[in-house]
Amino acid sequence: MILLPSKAPHNLKHQTIPLIFLKPVTTSPQIPLPISDGDKSSFDNFWVGHNTELTSVLQSCVTTGAPKLIYIYGPEGSGKSHLLFAAMRLAKQEVSNGTFLSLADPNLENPEQASVLLEMVDVAHLVCIDDLGAWAGDSERERLLFTLFEQIRHNGGELLIAGDRAPDKMGFKLFDLVSRLGSGLIYPVQALSDEQCFEAIKLRAKVRGLRIDDEVVRYMLARSSREPSKLFELLDTIDQTSLIEKRRITIPFLQKFINPSAAG
């Protein structure tokens, strides 16, 4: 969805645009993140692994306003979006404005509409930009992005950016944009080991109030995708289905999601 300030053009006020959140953290009772109420992305339910320094710096950015620019990168499912949503949630707790933009949203493919939306970003506060690579190679949108970054810098806002590669490997054509992306702190999001994935699943289940035995978690890890985001999606499905069917989460129950042909 999209939350627009009252000055938004009439034809945009009631549009639904997924994964774009603009400004009204202080006026809305909660940030409408695209995650279930029982499993909100936060720093508390992010399994840190080897990312201790990164999570500490991100929280400092939100709570103290420094550093001003952080770029994080890693493959799909590594937890980049989780960290950006966690920063937005922390900003809400700090009673601060915040903006979240996913550049992969199809509603931002039109440069003219993208320009209108970017003009409504609160450049004096936290701005989180996900899926950066979606605009790489598009000269018009690259210029829009560089302009936004300059406005944030001149107005004292904080900028958190997530991409799948380091800034100079993203494929941007505008040299000034590449230079700006590389001018802040740059962190790779370190992948979790097998044991850390196990602990991350246990933590996520605990946060949700979900009872799941260790042997079930290990079965899940051995027979499904090792990407944390995919594992958490599977955990969501298992939790919801177990509640509906009023069943304990056992290996036979799990088989219907991982290997349906093996389920009785």
Foldseek 3Di string as FASTA:
>chain_A
DEDFDPVAPPVPHPDDFPFKYAWDLLPDPHDPHPDDPLFQQAPQLDLCAVNVVVLVQLLCCLQPVPPQEEEEAAAPLLCLVSSLSNSVRVNSVVSHIEITEECQTPQVPDVVSVLSVLVRHPLLEYYEYEAVLSCAPPVSVLVSVLVSLVSSVVNSYGYYYYYHDQLVPSRHDDPSSSVSNPPDHYYYRDHHDLVSLLVSVVSSCVSSVADDDSVLSVVPCVQDDSRSVVSVVLVVVLVVVCVVVVHHDDNLSSCCVRPVVPHD
